[in-house]
Amino acid sequence: MTLFSAVSGEDMRTAQIVTGVAIALFVGVSVAPGLRQHAGTIRLALLVVYLVVCAVFVVTVLSR
């Protein structure tokens, strides 16, 4: 079994959804009028959450 066979189609779809949601939130912060003044802080928090989710996802997939 190779490393690349451990990633299923469902895993790929999950990664695509997580990335899409993160990008939508990242862009949405600049569009929402009430959030513009705190956009930098919110984006940093989103980045940290996204990286933690990605790390957990990678560890989960590789631990199979």
N, C-alpha and C. Protein backbone atom coordinates (compact mmCIF):
# COMPACT_ATOMS: atom_id res chain seq x y z
N MET A 1 0.85 -1.18 0.00
CA MET A 1 0.00 0.00 0.00
C MET A 1 0.89 1.24 0.00
N THR A 2 0.61 2.17 -0.88
CA THR A 2 1.39 3.40 -0.95
C THR A 2 0.73 4.49 -0.12
N LEU A 3 1.47 5.53 0.08
CA LEU A 3 0.96 6.65 0.87
C LEU A 3 -0.26 7.29 0.22
N PHE A 4 -0.28 7.39 -1.09
CA PHE A 4 -1.35 8.09 -1.77
C PHE A 4 -2.65 7.31 -1.82
N SER A 5 -2.61 6.02 -1.61
CA SER A 5 -3.84 5.24 -1.63
C SER A 5 -4.63 5.40 -0.33
N ALA A 6 -4.04 6.01 0.68
CA ALA A 6 -4.71 6.19 1.96
C ALA A 6 -5.73 7.33 1.92
N VAL A 7 -5.70 8.14 0.87
CA VAL A 7 -6.62 9.27 0.77
C VAL A 7 -7.79 8.88 -0.13
N SER A 8 -8.97 8.87 0.44
CA SER A 8 -10.16 8.49 -0.33
C SER A 8 -10.79 9.72 -0.97
N GLY A 9 -11.76 9.46 -1.80
CA GLY A 9 -12.51 10.55 -2.42
C GLY A 9 -13.26 11.38 -1.40
N GLU A 10 -13.74 10.70 -0.36
CA GLU A 10 -14.44 11.41 0.72
C GLU A 10 -13.49 12.33 1.47
N ASP A 11 -12.25 11.88 1.68
CA ASP A 11 -11.25 12.72 2.33
C ASP A 11 -10.96 13.97 1.49
N MET A 12 -10.84 13.78 0.20
CA MET A 12 -10.57 14.91 -0.68
C MET A 12 -11.73 15.90 -0.67
N ARG A 13 -12.96 15.39 -0.69
CA ARG A 13 -14.14 16.27 -0.67
C ARG A 13 -14.21 17.03 0.64
N THR A 14 -13.89 16.38 1.75
CA THR A 14 -13.86 17.05 3.05
C THR A 14 -12.84 18.18 3.05
N ALA A 15 -11.65 17.92 2.51
CA ALA A 15 -10.62 18.96 2.45
C ALA A 15 -11.06 20.12 1.57
N GLN A 16 -11.75 19.83 0.47
CA GLN A 16 -12.24 20.89 -0.41
C GLN A 16 -13.29 21.75 0.29
N ILE A 17 -14.18 21.12 1.04
CA ILE A 17 -15.22 21.87 1.75
C ILE A 17 -14.61 22.75 2.83
N VAL A 18 -13.67 22.20 3.60
CA VAL A 18 -13.02 22.99 4.66
C VAL A 18 -12.29 24.18 4.06
N THR A 19 -11.58 23.95 2.97
CA THR A 19 -10.84 25.05 2.32
C THR A 19 -11.80 26.09 1.76
N GLY A 20 -12.88 25.65 1.13
CA GLY A 20 -13.86 26.58 0.58
C GLY A 20 -14.51 27.44 1.64
N VAL A 21 -14.87 26.83 2.75
CA VAL A 21 -15.48 27.59 3.86
C VAL A 21 -14.48 28.60 4.42
N ALA A 22 -13.23 28.18 4.56
CA ALA A 22 -12.21 29.09 5.10
C ALA A 22 -12.01 30.29 4.17
N ILE A 23 -11.95 30.05 2.87
CA ILE A 23 -11.77 31.15 1.92
C ILE A 23 -12.99 32.08 1.94
N ALA A 24 -14.19 31.50 1.97
CA ALA A 24 -15.40 32.31 2.00
C ALA A 24 -15.44 33.19 3.24
N LEU A 25 -15.08 32.65 4.39
CA LEU A 25 -15.06 33.44 5.62
C LEU A 25 -13.98 34.51 5.56
N PHE A 26 -12.81 34.15 5.02
CA PHE A 26 -11.70 35.09 4.93
C PHE A 26 -12.09 36.30 4.07
N VAL A 27 -12.74 36.04 2.95
CA VAL A 27 -13.17 37.13 2.06
C VAL A 27 -14.38 37.86 2.66
N GLY A 28 -15.28 37.10 3.28
CA GLY A 28 -16.49 37.70 3.84
C GLY A 28 -16.22 38.71 4.94
N VAL A 29 -15.11 38.55 5.62
CA VAL A 29 -14.76 39.51 6.68
C VAL A 29 -14.59 40.91 6.11
N SER A 30 -14.01 41.01 4.92
CA SER A 30 -13.81 42.35 4.34
C SER A 30 -15.08 42.93 3.75
N VAL A 31 -16.06 42.10 3.47
CA VAL A 31 -17.30 42.57 2.86
C VAL A 31 -18.31 43.02 3.90
N ALA A 32 -18.35 42.36 5.02
CA ALA A 32 -19.31 42.69 6.08
C ALA A 32 -18.94 44.01 6.72
N PRO A 33 -19.84 44.99 6.65
CA PRO A 33 -19.52 46.34 7.15
C PRO A 33 -19.14 46.38 8.63
N GLY A 34 -19.78 45.61 9.48
CA GLY A 34 -19.49 45.67 10.90
C GLY A 34 -18.18 45.00 11.30
N LEU A 35 -17.61 44.19 10.40
CA LEU A 35 -16.40 43.46 10.73
C LEU A 35 -15.13 44.08 10.16
N ARG A 36 -15.27 45.07 9.31
CA ARG A 36 -14.10 45.64 8.63
C ARG A 36 -13.05 46.19 9.59
N GLN A 37 -13.48 46.78 10.66
CA GLN A 37 -12.50 47.39 11.58
C GLN A 37 -11.70 46.33 12.34
N HIS A 38 -12.22 45.12 12.43
CA HIS A 38 -11.53 44.03 13.13
C HIS A 38 -11.06 42.94 12.17
N ALA A 39 -11.01 43.26 10.88
CA ALA A 39 -10.73 42.26 9.86
C ALA A 39 -9.38 41.56 10.07
N GLY A 40 -8.36 42.29 10.43
CA GLY A 40 -7.04 41.70 10.62
C GLY A 40 -7.02 40.66 11.72
N THR A 41 -7.64 40.99 12.83
CA THR A 41 -7.69 40.06 13.97
C THR A 41 -8.53 38.83 13.64
N ILE A 42 -9.66 39.05 12.98
CA ILE A 42 -10.54 37.93 12.61
C ILE A 42 -9.84 37.02 11.61
N ARG A 43 -9.15 37.61 10.64
CA ARG A 43 -8.43 36.80 9.65
C ARG A 43 -7.33 35.98 10.30
N LEU A 44 -6.63 36.55 11.25
CA LEU A 44 -5.59 35.81 11.96
C LEU A 44 -6.20 34.64 12.73
N ALA A 45 -7.32 34.87 13.38
CA ALA A 45 -8.00 33.79 14.12
C ALA A 45 -8.48 32.70 13.15
N LEU A 46 -9.02 33.11 12.00
CA LEU A 46 -9.44 32.13 10.99
C LEU A 46 -8.26 31.31 10.48
N LEU A 47 -7.14 31.96 10.27
CA LEU A 47 -5.95 31.25 9.80
C LEU A 47 -5.49 30.21 10.82
N VAL A 48 -5.48 30.59 12.09
CA VAL A 48 -5.05 29.66 13.14
C VAL A 48 -6.01 28.47 13.20
N VAL A 49 -7.31 28.72 13.17
CA VAL A 49 -8.29 27.64 13.21
C VAL A 49 -8.14 26.74 11.99
N TYR A 50 -7.95 27.34 10.81
CA TYR A 50 -7.79 26.57 9.57
C TYR A 50 -6.55 25.68 9.64
N LEU A 51 -5.45 26.21 10.12
CA LEU A 51 -4.22 25.41 10.22
C LEU A 51 -4.36 24.27 11.23
N VAL A 52 -5.05 24.51 12.33
CA VAL A 52 -5.28 23.45 13.31
C VAL A 52 -6.16 22.36 12.71
N VAL A 53 -7.22 22.75 12.02
CA VAL A 53 -8.10 21.77 11.38
C VAL A 53 -7.33 20.96 10.34
N CYS A 54 -6.49 21.63 9.55
CA CYS A 54 -5.69 20.92 8.54
C CYS A 54 -4.72 19.94 9.19
N ALA A 55 -4.09 20.34 10.27
CA ALA A 55 -3.15 19.46 10.95
C ALA A 55 -3.86 18.23 11.51
N VAL A 56 -5.01 18.42 12.12
CA VAL A 56 -5.79 17.30 12.65
C VAL A 56 -6.22 16.38 11.52
N PHE A 57 -6.65 16.95 10.42
CA PHE A 57 -7.08 16.17 9.27
C PHE A 57 -5.93 15.33 8.70
N VAL A 58 -4.77 15.93 8.55
CA VAL A 58 -3.61 15.22 8.02
C VAL A 58 -3.20 14.08 8.95
N VAL A 59 -3.17 14.34 10.25
CA VAL A 59 -2.81 13.30 11.21
C VAL A 59 -3.84 12.17 11.16
N THR A 60 -5.11 12.52 11.06
CA THR A 60 -6.16 11.50 10.98
C THR A 60 -6.00 10.62 9.74
N VAL A 61 -5.76 11.23 8.60
CA VAL A 61 -5.63 10.47 7.35
C VAL A 61 -4.36 9.61 7.38
N LEU A 62 -3.28 10.15 7.89
CA LEU A 62 -2.02 9.39 7.89
C LEU A 62 -2.00 8.30 8.95
N SER A 63 -2.85 8.39 9.95
CA SER A 63 -2.84 7.39 11.01
C SER A 63 -3.65 6.14 10.65
N ARG A 64 -4.29 6.12 9.51
CA ARG A 64 -5.06 4.94 9.10
C ARG A 64 -4.18 3.82 8.72
